[in-house]
Amino acid sequence: MNDYISLNLIITPLSSDSTDLMAAYLADVGYESFVETPEGLTAYIPVKNFNQEDVKTIIAQFPIPVEIKYSFKVEEGKDWNEEWEKNYFKPILIDNTCVIHSSFHNDFEKAEYEIVIDPKMAFGTGHHATTTMMVSELLKLNLEGKTVTDMGTGTGILAILASMRGAREVNAIEIDPFAVINARENVQLNIESGNAHCDSIEVNVFEGNAETLMKLPKADVFLANINRNVILADLPLYVDAMKPGALLQLSGFYEKDIPLIEQSASLYGLSVKSIRTYEGDWACLTLTLNA
């Protein structure tokens, strides 16, 4: 069992933008999981990686004008799988077609696609609205024989589903080394599960940023469930990594961000094919790269 530090942050005034940005900054210094609270955010990091000076620096340089108070404590010897099962990660059924559960779940609904995810303090269990929408939209696509790229794969859930649905080649990229290990473990879990569609799973997981795309074959379908600023900064690299006529499926941002992303996308020859929103005003865009 691993010992973790739980860092509790009280943010005033509280907003989704401030918690999302705080999680991003903390992830950069090694925090592995984040749970929103009524007052702010709780973040988790292995005890050996905790540095209080990192927290002080992030708070001092935080660009949104808010008041931030923090406290922390050691969570000794927890069975993190049990914690996820009890408090955070419940089996989820999406569109009555895809069920996502962990290896420690025994009671879940059956579906055509059954994905096993052991998050181990990493992002991406299917419960966040953006992941739910990405899965739902992916279920609508014909992926037989296609090349798929999943940028910012997290736990690997979208890449695994793409492979299950017949993609010929699936390449997943993740910048966080811990998440890379977790994604590879989850790919193997599904290969070994014996579930339907799992015997042909093959996902290549790479550690790196968007520049890694230059080393990979161009995609027929490109997936990116990342925050707005990363999408806007890396969009030219995404387009360069796509075939003419390819689909680009984006989420990780709010409905209010859609015009900004549409405007940027049009500069790179992308046309909006569909727009979807979900609870909390989260959005998902599907775009086509003009041939």
C-alpha atoms as a PDB file:
ATOM      1  CA  MET A   1       0.000   0.000   0.000  1.00  0.00           C
ATOM      2  CA  ASN A   2       1.185   3.520  -0.832  1.00  0.00           C
ATOM      3  CA  ASP A   3       1.183   6.529   1.482  1.00  0.00           C
ATOM      4  CA  TYR A   4      -0.178   9.722  -0.050  1.00  0.00           C
ATOM      5  CA  ILE A   5      -0.461  13.361   0.952  1.00  0.00           C
ATOM      6  CA  SER A   6      -3.969  14.760   0.583  1.00  0.00           C
ATOM      7  CA  LEU A   7      -3.821  18.494  -0.072  1.00  0.00           C
ATOM      8  CA  ASN A   8      -7.062  20.335   0.664  1.00  0.00           C
ATOM      9  CA  LEU A   9      -7.501  23.724  -1.000  1.00  0.00           C
ATOM     10  CA  ILE A  10     -10.229  26.227  -0.147  1.00  0.00           C
ATOM     11  CA  ILE A  11     -10.711  28.654  -3.061  1.00  0.00           C
ATOM     12  CA  THR A  12     -12.735  31.853  -2.673  1.00  0.00           C
ATOM     13  CA  PRO A  13     -14.618  32.737  -4.821  1.00  0.00           C
ATOM     14  CA  LEU A  14     -14.933  29.239  -6.227  1.00  0.00           C
ATOM     15  CA  SER A  15     -15.345  28.546  -9.950  1.00  0.00           C
ATOM     16  CA  SER A  16     -14.749  25.700 -12.384  1.00  0.00           C
ATOM     17  CA  ASP A  17     -12.030  27.758 -14.079  1.00  0.00           C
ATOM     18  CA  SER A  18     -10.076  28.146 -10.839  1.00  0.00           C
ATOM     19  CA  THR A  19     -10.309  24.454  -9.869  1.00  0.00           C
ATOM     20  CA  ASP A  20      -9.413  23.297 -13.396  1.00  0.00           C
ATOM     21  CA  LEU A  21      -6.401  25.609 -13.518  1.00  0.00           C
ATOM     22  CA  MET A  22      -5.269  24.645 -10.030  1.00  0.00           C
ATOM     23  CA  ALA A  23      -5.473  20.949 -10.947  1.00  0.00           C
ATOM     24  CA  ALA A  24      -3.388  21.600 -14.061  1.00  0.00           C
ATOM     25  CA  TYR A  25      -0.668  23.393 -12.098  1.00  0.00           C
ATOM     26  CA  LEU A  26      -0.591  20.711  -9.404  1.00  0.00           C
ATOM     27  CA  ALA A  27      -0.416  17.958 -12.029  1.00  0.00           C
ATOM     28  CA  ASP A  28       2.710  19.634 -13.397  1.00  0.00           C
ATOM     29  CA  VAL A  29       4.478  19.083 -10.048  1.00  0.00           C
ATOM     30  CA  GLY A  30       3.420  15.487  -9.564  1.00  0.00           C
ATOM     31  CA  TYR A  31      -0.128  15.415  -8.155  1.00  0.00           C
ATOM     32  CA  GLU A  32      -1.938  12.358  -9.480  1.00  0.00           C
ATOM     33  CA  SER A  33      -5.614  12.754  -8.670  1.00  0.00           C
ATOM     34  CA  PHE A  34      -8.100  15.511  -7.940  1.00  0.00           C
ATOM     35  CA  VAL A  35     -11.519  15.527  -6.303  1.00  0.00           C
ATOM     36  CA  GLU A  36     -13.692  18.631  -6.371  1.00  0.00           C
ATOM     37  CA  THR A  37     -15.128  19.640  -2.983  1.00  0.00           C
ATOM     38  CA  PRO A  38     -17.838  22.142  -2.020  1.00  0.00           C
ATOM     39  CA  GLU A  39     -15.074  24.605  -1.059  1.00  0.00           C
ATOM     40  CA  GLY A  40     -12.448  23.869  -3.686  1.00  0.00           C
ATOM     41  CA  LEU A  41     -10.240  20.896  -4.443  1.00  0.00           C
ATOM     42  CA  THR A  42      -8.489  17.957  -2.800  1.00  0.00           C
ATOM     43  CA  ALA A  43      -5.341  16.749  -4.561  1.00  0.00           C
ATOM     44  CA  TYR A  44      -3.260  13.634  -3.937  1.00  0.00           C
ATOM     45  CA  ILE A  45       0.474  13.039  -4.328  1.00  0.00           C
ATOM     46  CA  PRO A  46       2.807  10.264  -3.080  1.00  0.00           C
ATOM     47  CA  VAL A  47       4.478  11.291   0.174  1.00  0.00           C
ATOM     48  CA  LYS A  48       7.936  10.978  -1.373  1.00  0.00           C
ATOM     49  CA  ASN A  49       7.038  13.530  -4.069  1.00  0.00           C
ATOM     50  CA  PHE A  50       5.422  16.141  -1.808  1.00  0.00           C
ATOM     51  CA  ASN A  51       7.060  19.571  -1.608  1.00  0.00           C
ATOM     52  CA  GLN A  52       5.233  22.292   0.296  1.00  0.00           C
ATOM     53  CA  GLU A  53       7.254  24.970  -1.518  1.00  0.00           C
ATOM     54  CA  ASP A  54       5.627  23.864  -4.786  1.00  0.00           C
ATOM     55  CA  VAL A  55       2.209  24.566  -3.279  1.00  0.00           C
ATOM     56  CA  LYS A  56       3.267  27.990  -1.973  1.00  0.00           C
ATOM     57  CA  THR A  57       4.715  28.947  -5.363  1.00  0.00           C
ATOM     58  CA  ILE A  58       1.583  27.898  -7.266  1.00  0.00           C
ATOM     59  CA  ILE A  59      -0.637  29.885  -4.907  1.00  0.00           C
ATOM     60  CA  ALA A  60       1.618  32.944  -5.046  1.00  0.00           C
ATOM     61  CA  GLN A  61       1.671  32.911  -8.853  1.00  0.00           C
ATOM     62  CA  PHE A  62      -1.948  31.858  -9.421  1.00  0.00           C
ATOM     63  CA  PRO A  63      -3.272  34.102 -12.235  1.00  0.00           C
ATOM     64  CA  ILE A  64      -6.942  34.211 -11.182  1.00  0.00           C
ATOM     65  CA  PRO A  65      -7.700  36.738  -8.409  1.00  0.00           C
ATOM     66  CA  VAL A  66      -8.906  34.400  -5.657  1.00  0.00           C
ATOM     67  CA  GLU A  67      -8.065  33.673  -2.027  1.00  0.00           C
ATOM     68  CA  ILE A  68      -6.548  30.226  -1.532  1.00  0.00           C
ATOM     69  CA  LYS A  69      -6.075  28.490   1.814  1.00  0.00           C
ATOM     70  CA  TYR A  70      -4.599  25.027   2.121  1.00  0.00           C
ATOM     71  CA  SER A  71      -3.935  22.216   4.561  1.00  0.00           C
ATOM     72  CA  PHE A  72      -2.509  18.763   4.107  1.00  0.00           C
ATOM     73  CA  LYS A  73      -2.244  15.420   5.853  1.00  0.00           C
ATOM     74  CA  VAL A  74      -0.759  11.984   5.305  1.00  0.00           C
ATOM     75  CA  GLU A  75      -3.158   9.279   4.137  1.00  0.00           C
ATOM     76  CA  GLU A  76      -1.349   6.253   5.498  1.00  0.00           C
ATOM     77  CA  GLY A  77      -1.446   2.822   3.914  1.00  0.00           C
ATOM     78  CA  LYS A  78      -4.718   3.147   2.040  1.00  0.00           C
ATOM     79  CA  ASP A  79      -5.880   0.549  -0.401  1.00  0.00           C
ATOM     80  CA  TRP A  80      -6.513   3.026  -3.213  1.00  0.00           C
ATOM     81  CA  ASN A  81      -8.579   0.569  -5.239  1.00  0.00           C
ATOM     82  CA  GLU A  82     -10.913   0.283  -2.257  1.00  0.00           C
ATOM     83  CA  GLU A  83     -11.015   4.072  -1.918  1.00  0.00           C
ATOM     84  CA  TRP A  84     -11.969   4.509  -5.564  1.00  0.00           C
ATOM     85  CA  GLU A  85     -14.622   1.811  -5.279  1.00  0.00           C
ATOM     86  CA  LYS A  86     -16.162   3.306  -2.119  1.00  0.00           C
ATOM     87  CA  ASN A  87     -15.959   6.994  -2.906  1.00  0.00           C
ATOM     88  CA  TYR A  88     -15.155   7.907  -6.485  1.00  0.00           C
ATOM     89  CA  PHE A  89     -15.265   5.213  -9.132  1.00  0.00           C
ATOM     90  CA  LYS A  90     -18.549   3.413  -9.717  1.00  0.00           C
ATOM     91  CA  PRO A  91     -19.333   1.372 -12.853  1.00  0.00           C
ATOM     92  CA  ILE A  92     -20.849   3.555 -15.558  1.00  0.00           C
ATOM     93  CA  LEU A  93     -23.011   2.607 -18.541  1.00  0.00           C
ATOM     94  CA  ILE A  94     -22.874   4.936 -21.555  1.00  0.00           C
ATOM     95  CA  ASP A  95     -25.629   4.878 -24.201  1.00  0.00           C
ATOM     96  CA  ASN A  96     -26.577   1.349 -23.096  1.00  0.00           C
ATOM     97  CA  THR A  97     -23.662   0.224 -25.259  1.00  0.00           C
ATOM     98  CA  CYS A  98     -20.443   0.646 -23.295  1.00  0.00           C
ATOM     99  CA  VAL A  99     -19.881  -0.209 -19.635  1.00  0.00           C
ATOM    100  CA  ILE A 100     -16.762   1.011 -17.842  1.00  0.00           C
ATOM    101  CA  HIS A 101     -15.723  -0.620 -14.599  1.00  0.00           C
ATOM    102  CA  SER A 102     -12.648  -1.543 -12.628  1.00  0.00           C
ATOM    103  CA  SER A 103     -11.146  -4.966 -12.024  1.00  0.00           C
ATOM    104  CA  PHE A 104     -12.372  -4.756  -8.419  1.00  0.00           C
ATOM    105  CA  HIS A 105     -16.032  -4.254  -9.434  1.00  0.00           C
ATOM    106  CA  ASN A 106     -18.269  -7.305  -9.391  1.00  0.00           C
ATOM    107  CA  ASP A 107     -21.708  -5.747  -9.824  1.00  0.00           C
ATOM    108  CA  PHE A 108     -22.169  -3.863 -13.104  1.00  0.00           C
ATOM    109  CA  GLU A 109     -24.535  -3.846 -16.075  1.00  0.00           C
ATOM    110  CA  LYS A 110     -23.636  -5.837 -19.151  1.00  0.00           C
ATOM    111  CA  ALA A 111     -23.085  -4.129 -22.500  1.00  0.00           C
ATOM    112  CA  GLU A 112     -21.673  -4.775 -25.952  1.00  0.00           C
ATOM    113  CA  TYR A 113     -18.405  -3.062 -25.040  1.00  0.00           C
ATOM    114  CA  GLU A 114     -16.944  -3.737 -21.605  1.00  0.00           C
ATOM    115  CA  ILE A 115     -13.884  -1.684 -20.667  1.00  0.00           C
ATOM    116  CA  VAL A 116     -11.790  -2.387 -17.576  1.00  0.00           C
ATOM    117  CA  ILE A 117     -10.044   0.646 -16.082  1.00  0.00           C
ATOM    118  CA  ASP A 118      -7.994   0.650 -12.882  1.00  0.00           C
ATOM    119  CA  PRO A 119      -7.365   4.390 -12.491  1.00  0.00           C
ATOM    120  CA  LYS A 120      -4.740   4.185  -9.714  1.00  0.00           C
ATOM    121  CA  MET A 121      -5.080   7.908  -9.025  1.00  0.00           C
ATOM    122  CA  ALA A 122      -4.970   8.867 -12.730  1.00  0.00           C
ATOM    123  CA  PHE A 123      -7.572  10.764 -14.744  1.00  0.00           C
ATOM    124  CA  GLY A 124     -10.221   9.227 -16.965  1.00  0.00           C
ATOM    125  CA  THR A 125     -12.814   6.825 -15.585  1.00  0.00           C
ATOM    126  CA  GLY A 126     -15.696   7.896 -17.812  1.00  0.00           C
ATOM    127  CA  HIS A 127     -17.514   9.774 -15.067  1.00  0.00           C
ATOM    128  CA  HIS A 128     -16.515  13.275 -16.118  1.00  0.00           C
ATOM    129  CA  ALA A 129     -18.946  14.795 -18.620  1.00  0.00           C
ATOM    130  CA  THR A 130     -16.202  15.326 -21.199  1.00  0.00           C
ATOM    131  CA  THR A 131     -15.111  11.678 -21.146  1.00  0.00           C
ATOM    132  CA  THR A 132     -18.733  10.525 -21.281  1.00  0.00           C
ATOM    133  CA  MET A 133     -19.372  12.660 -24.367  1.00  0.00           C
ATOM    134  CA  MET A 134     -16.162  11.523 -26.073  1.00  0.00           C
ATOM    135  CA  VAL A 135     -17.091   7.864 -25.497  1.00  0.00           C
ATOM    136  CA  SER A 136     -20.635   8.466 -26.715  1.00  0.00           C
ATOM    137  CA  GLU A 137     -19.477  10.198 -29.900  1.00  0.00           C
ATOM    138  CA  LEU A 138     -16.805   7.553 -30.520  1.00  0.00           C
ATOM    139  CA  LEU A 139     -19.494   4.875 -30.384  1.00  0.00           C
ATOM    140  CA  LYS A 140     -21.178   6.528 -33.388  1.00  0.00           C
ATOM    141  CA  LEU A 141     -18.137   6.344 -35.665  1.00  0.00           C
ATOM    142  CA  ASN A 142     -17.143   3.591 -38.058  1.00  0.00           C
ATOM    143  CA  LEU A 143     -13.559   2.908 -37.004  1.00  0.00           C
ATOM    144  CA  GLU A 144     -12.994  -0.323 -38.971  1.00  0.00           C
ATOM    145  CA  GLY A 145      -9.531  -0.237 -40.504  1.00  0.00           C
ATOM    146  CA  LYS A 146      -8.920   3.364 -39.405  1.00  0.00           C
ATOM    147  CA  THR A 147      -5.842   4.926 -37.837  1.00  0.00           C
ATOM    148  CA  VAL A 148      -6.738   6.683 -34.568  1.00  0.00           C
ATOM    149  CA  THR A 149      -4.658   9.071 -32.457  1.00  0.00           C
ATOM    150  CA  ASP A 150      -5.643   9.824 -28.856  1.00  0.00           C
ATOM    151  CA  MET A 151      -3.889  12.953 -27.578  1.00  0.00           C
ATOM    152  CA  GLY A 152      -3.702  13.189 -23.776  1.00  0.00           C
ATOM    153  CA  THR A 153      -4.917   9.629 -23.296  1.00  0.00           C
ATOM    154  CA  GLY A 154      -4.961   9.613 -19.459  1.00  0.00           C
ATOM    155  CA  THR A 155      -6.072   6.137 -18.392  1.00  0.00           C
ATOM    156  CA  GLY A 156      -6.298   5.089 -22.049  1.00  0.00           C
ATOM    157  CA  ILE A 157     -10.054   4.672 -22.085  1.00  0.00           C
ATOM    158  CA  LEU A 158     -10.717   6.267 -25.491  1.00  0.00           C
ATOM    159  CA  ALA A 159      -7.794   4.518 -27.150  1.00  0.00           C
ATOM    160  CA  ILE A 160      -8.940   1.158 -25.792  1.00  0.00           C
ATOM    161  CA  LEU A 161     -12.486   1.710 -27.054  1.00  0.00           C
ATOM    162  CA  ALA A 162     -11.188   2.739 -30.486  1.00  0.00           C
ATOM    163  CA  SER A 163      -9.198  -0.473 -30.727  1.00  0.00           C
ATOM    164  CA  MET A 164     -12.199  -2.521 -29.573  1.00  0.00           C
ATOM    165  CA  ARG A 165     -14.257  -0.950 -32.343  1.00  0.00           C
ATOM    166  CA  GLY A 166     -11.973  -2.140 -35.093  1.00  0.00           C
ATOM    167  CA  ALA A 167      -9.370   0.582 -35.568  1.00  0.00           C
ATOM    168  CA  ARG A 168      -6.384  -0.814 -37.469  1.00  0.00           C
ATOM    169  CA  GLU A 169      -3.837   1.283 -35.549  1.00  0.00           C
ATOM    170  CA  VAL A 170      -4.308   3.245 -32.324  1.00  0.00           C
ATOM    171  CA  ASN A 171      -1.615   5.594 -31.039  1.00  0.00           C
ATOM    172  CA  ALA A 172      -2.063   7.204 -27.620  1.00  0.00           C
ATOM    173  CA  ILE A 173       0.080  10.072 -26.312  1.00  0.00           C
ATOM    174  CA  GLU A 174       0.354  11.220 -22.690  1.00  0.00           C
ATOM    175  CA  ILE A 175       2.716  13.758 -21.136  1.00  0.00           C
ATOM    176  CA  ASP A 176       2.429  12.476 -17.542  1.00  0.00           C
ATOM    177  CA  PRO A 177       4.819   9.516 -16.961  1.00  0.00           C
ATOM    178  CA  PHE A 178       2.585   8.075 -14.228  1.00  0.00           C
ATOM    179  CA  ALA A 179      -0.437   8.131 -16.527  1.00  0.00           C
ATOM    180  CA  VAL A 180       1.609   6.487 -19.316  1.00  0.00           C
ATOM    181  CA  ILE A 181       2.299   3.529 -17.034  1.00  0.00           C
ATOM    182  CA  ASN A 182      -1.352   3.400 -15.982  1.00  0.00           C
ATOM    183  CA  ALA A 183      -2.601   3.538 -19.597  1.00  0.00           C
ATOM    184  CA  ARG A 184      -0.316   0.668 -20.576  1.00  0.00           C
ATOM    185  CA  GLU A 185      -1.518  -1.348 -17.590  1.00  0.00           C
ATOM    186  CA  ASN A 186      -5.136  -0.721 -18.561  1.00  0.00           C
ATOM    187  CA  VAL A 187      -4.501  -1.835 -22.147  1.00  0.00           C
ATOM    188  CA  GLN A 188      -3.051  -5.076 -20.806  1.00  0.00           C
ATOM    189  CA  LEU A 189      -5.962  -5.508 -18.360  1.00  0.00           C
ATOM    190  CA  ASN A 190      -8.406  -5.453 -21.254  1.00  0.00           C
ATOM    191  CA  ILE A 191      -6.334  -7.805 -23.395  1.00  0.00           C
ATOM    192  CA  GLU A 192      -6.314 -10.306 -20.531  1.00  0.00           C
ATOM    193  CA  SER A 193      -9.960  -9.797 -19.546  1.00  0.00           C
ATOM    194  CA  GLY A 194     -11.424 -12.184 -22.094  1.00  0.00           C
ATOM    195  CA  ASN A 195     -14.297  -9.755 -22.716  1.00  0.00           C
ATOM    196  CA  ALA A 196     -15.883  -9.391 -26.134  1.00  0.00           C
ATOM    197  CA  HIS A 197     -13.841  -7.320 -28.620  1.00  0.00           C
ATOM    198  CA  CYS A 198     -10.721  -7.629 -26.444  1.00  0.00           C
ATOM    199  CA  ASP A 199      -8.837 -10.362 -28.304  1.00  0.00           C
ATOM    200  CA  SER A 200      -7.649  -7.941 -30.997  1.00  0.00           C
ATOM    201  CA  ILE A 201      -6.808  -4.921 -28.819  1.00  0.00           C
ATOM    202  CA  GLU A 202      -3.560  -3.210 -29.740  1.00  0.00           C
ATOM    203  CA  VAL A 203      -2.740   0.293 -28.476  1.00  0.00           C
ATOM    204  CA  ASN A 204       0.640   2.015 -28.707  1.00  0.00           C
ATOM    205  CA  VAL A 205       1.130   4.353 -25.715  1.00  0.00           C
ATOM    206  CA  PHE A 206       3.809   7.047 -26.051  1.00  0.00           C
ATOM    207  CA  GLU A 207       5.138   9.468 -23.436  1.00  0.00           C
ATOM    208  CA  GLY A 208       5.420  13.010 -24.763  1.00  0.00           C
ATOM    209  CA  ASN A 209       3.684  16.196 -25.861  1.00  0.00           C
ATOM    210  CA  ALA A 210       2.107  17.195 -29.181  1.00  0.00           C
ATOM    211  CA  GLU A 211       5.509  17.201 -30.891  1.00  0.00           C
ATOM    212  CA  THR A 212       5.417  13.399 -30.591  1.00  0.00           C
ATOM    213  CA  LEU A 213       2.779  13.473 -33.345  1.00  0.00           C
ATOM    214  CA  MET A 214       5.460  14.158 -35.945  1.00  0.00           C
ATOM    215  CA  LYS A 215       6.811  10.614 -35.449  1.00  0.00           C
ATOM    216  CA  LEU A 216       3.442   8.901 -35.952  1.00  0.00           C
ATOM    217  CA  PRO A 217       1.344   8.067 -39.022  1.00  0.00           C
ATOM    218  CA  LYS A 218      -1.392  10.519 -39.908  1.00  0.00           C
ATOM    219  CA  ALA A 219      -4.776   9.791 -38.368  1.00  0.00           C
ATOM    220  CA  ASP A 220      -8.188   9.166 -39.883  1.00  0.00           C
ATOM    221  CA  VAL A 221      -9.685  10.034 -36.475  1.00  0.00           C
ATOM    222  CA  PHE A 222      -7.963  12.321 -33.970  1.00  0.00           C
ATOM    223  CA  LEU A 223      -9.153  12.516 -30.344  1.00  0.00           C
ATOM    224  CA  ALA A 224      -8.222  15.182 -27.790  1.00  0.00           C
ATOM    225  CA  ASN A 225      -9.978  15.513 -24.437  1.00  0.00           C
ATOM    226  CA  ILE A 226      -7.777  18.312 -23.073  1.00  0.00           C
ATOM    227  CA  ASN A 227      -8.335  21.836 -21.780  1.00  0.00           C
ATOM    228  CA  ARG A 228      -9.083  24.777 -24.053  1.00  0.00           C
ATOM    229  CA  ASN A 229      -5.703  26.480 -23.863  1.00  0.00           C
ATOM    230  CA  VAL A 230      -3.783  23.322 -24.777  1.00  0.00           C
ATOM    231  CA  ILE A 231      -6.131  22.673 -27.709  1.00  0.00           C
ATOM    232  CA  LEU A 232      -5.732  26.209 -29.050  1.00  0.00           C
ATOM    233  CA  ALA A 233      -1.943  26.095 -28.698  1.00  0.00           C
ATOM    234  CA  ASP A 234      -1.524  22.648 -30.278  1.00  0.00           C
ATOM    235  CA  LEU A 235      -4.237  22.747 -32.953  1.00  0.00           C
ATOM    236  CA  PRO A 236      -1.749  23.284 -35.838  1.00  0.00           C
ATOM    237  CA  LEU A 237       0.130  20.154 -34.752  1.00  0.00           C
ATOM    238  CA  TYR A 238      -3.123  18.206 -34.572  1.00  0.00           C
ATOM    239  CA  VAL A 239      -4.012  19.223 -38.136  1.00  0.00           C
ATOM    240  CA  ASP A 240      -0.551  18.284 -39.414  1.00  0.00           C
ATOM    241  CA  ALA A 241      -1.074  14.831 -37.881  1.00  0.00           C
ATOM    242  CA  MET A 242      -4.402  14.240 -39.695  1.00  0.00           C
ATOM    243  CA  LYS A 243      -5.230  12.916 -43.156  1.00  0.00           C
ATOM    244  CA  PRO A 244      -7.352  15.076 -45.512  1.00  0.00           C
ATOM    245  CA  GLY A 245     -10.983  14.463 -44.638  1.00  0.00           C
ATOM    246  CA  ALA A 246     -10.075  13.163 -41.162  1.00  0.00           C
ATOM    247  CA  LEU A 247     -12.302  13.711 -38.136  1.00  0.00           C
ATOM    248  CA  LEU A 248     -11.171  15.680 -35.083  1.00  0.00           C
ATOM    249  CA  GLN A 249     -13.116  15.048 -31.882  1.00  0.00           C
ATOM    250  CA  LEU A 250     -12.474  17.587 -29.113  1.00  0.00           C
ATOM    251  CA  SER A 251     -13.635  18.039 -25.519  1.00  0.00           C
ATOM    252  CA  GLY A 252     -12.323  19.312 -22.204  1.00  0.00           C
ATOM    253  CA  PHE A 253     -13.780  22.828 -22.468  1.00  0.00           C
ATOM    254  CA  TYR A 254     -17.009  24.720 -21.834  1.00  0.00           C
ATOM    255  CA  GLU A 255     -19.857  25.677 -24.146  1.00  0.00           C
ATOM    256  CA  LYS A 256     -18.763  29.313 -23.885  1.00  0.00           C
ATOM    257  CA  ASP A 257     -15.390  28.336 -25.404  1.00  0.00           C
ATOM    258  CA  ILE A 258     -16.915  26.966 -28.615  1.00  0.00           C
ATOM    259  CA  PRO A 259     -16.761  30.217 -30.682  1.00  0.00           C
ATOM    260  CA  LEU A 260     -13.075  30.670 -29.853  1.00  0.00           C
ATOM    261  CA  ILE A 261     -12.227  27.103 -30.856  1.00  0.00           C
ATOM    262  CA  GLU A 262     -14.384  27.323 -34.005  1.00  0.00           C
ATOM    263  CA  GLN A 263     -12.611  30.510 -35.046  1.00  0.00           C
ATOM    264  CA  SER A 264      -9.185  28.975 -34.562  1.00  0.00           C
ATOM    265  CA  ALA A 265     -10.200  25.720 -36.254  1.00  0.00           C
ATOM    266  CA  SER A 266     -11.398  27.538 -39.377  1.00  0.00           C
ATOM    267  CA  LEU A 267      -7.909  28.992 -39.850  1.00  0.00           C
ATOM    268  CA  TYR A 268      -6.536  25.465 -40.261  1.00  0.00           C
ATOM    269  CA  GLY A 269      -9.135  24.147 -42.670  1.00  0.00           C
ATOM    270  CA  LEU A 270     -11.422  22.532 -40.124  1.00  0.00           C
ATOM    271  CA  SER A 271     -15.208  22.619 -40.416  1.00  0.00           C
ATOM    272  CA  VAL A 272     -17.583  21.868 -37.538  1.00  0.00           C
ATOM    273  CA  LYS A 273     -19.610  18.723 -38.116  1.00  0.00           C
ATOM    274  CA  SER A 274     -21.447  18.502 -34.789  1.00  0.00           C
ATOM    275  CA  ILE A 275     -21.672  20.227 -31.410  1.00  0.00           C
ATOM    276  CA  ARG A 276     -22.719  18.558 -28.196  1.00  0.00           C
ATOM    277  CA  THR A 277     -23.073  19.941 -24.686  1.00  0.00           C
ATOM    278  CA  TYR A 278     -23.652  18.261 -21.362  1.00  0.00           C
ATOM    279  CA  GLU A 279     -24.306  18.982 -17.706  1.00  0.00           C
ATOM    280  CA  GLY A 280     -22.174  21.792 -16.312  1.00  0.00           C
ATOM    281  CA  ASP A 281     -22.032  23.350 -19.805  1.00  0.00           C
ATOM    282  CA  TRP A 282     -19.189  21.081 -20.933  1.00  0.00           C
ATOM    283  CA  ALA A 283     -18.860  20.781 -24.708  1.00  0.00           C
ATOM    284  CA  CYS A 284     -17.728  18.289 -27.329  1.00  0.00           C
ATOM    285  CA  LEU A 285     -16.954  19.249 -30.935  1.00  0.00           C
ATOM    286  CA  THR A 286     -16.528  16.995 -33.955  1.00  0.00           C
ATOM    287  CA  LEU A 287     -14.768  18.663 -36.878  1.00  0.00           C
ATOM    288  CA  THR A 288     -13.683  17.605 -40.357  1.00  0.00           C
ATOM    289  CA  LEU A 289     -10.384  18.504 -42.012  1.00  0.00           C
ATOM    290  CA  ASN A 290     -11.242  19.802 -45.463  1.00  0.00           C
ATOM    291  CA  ALA A 291      -9.682  17.717 -48.220  1.00  0.00           C
END
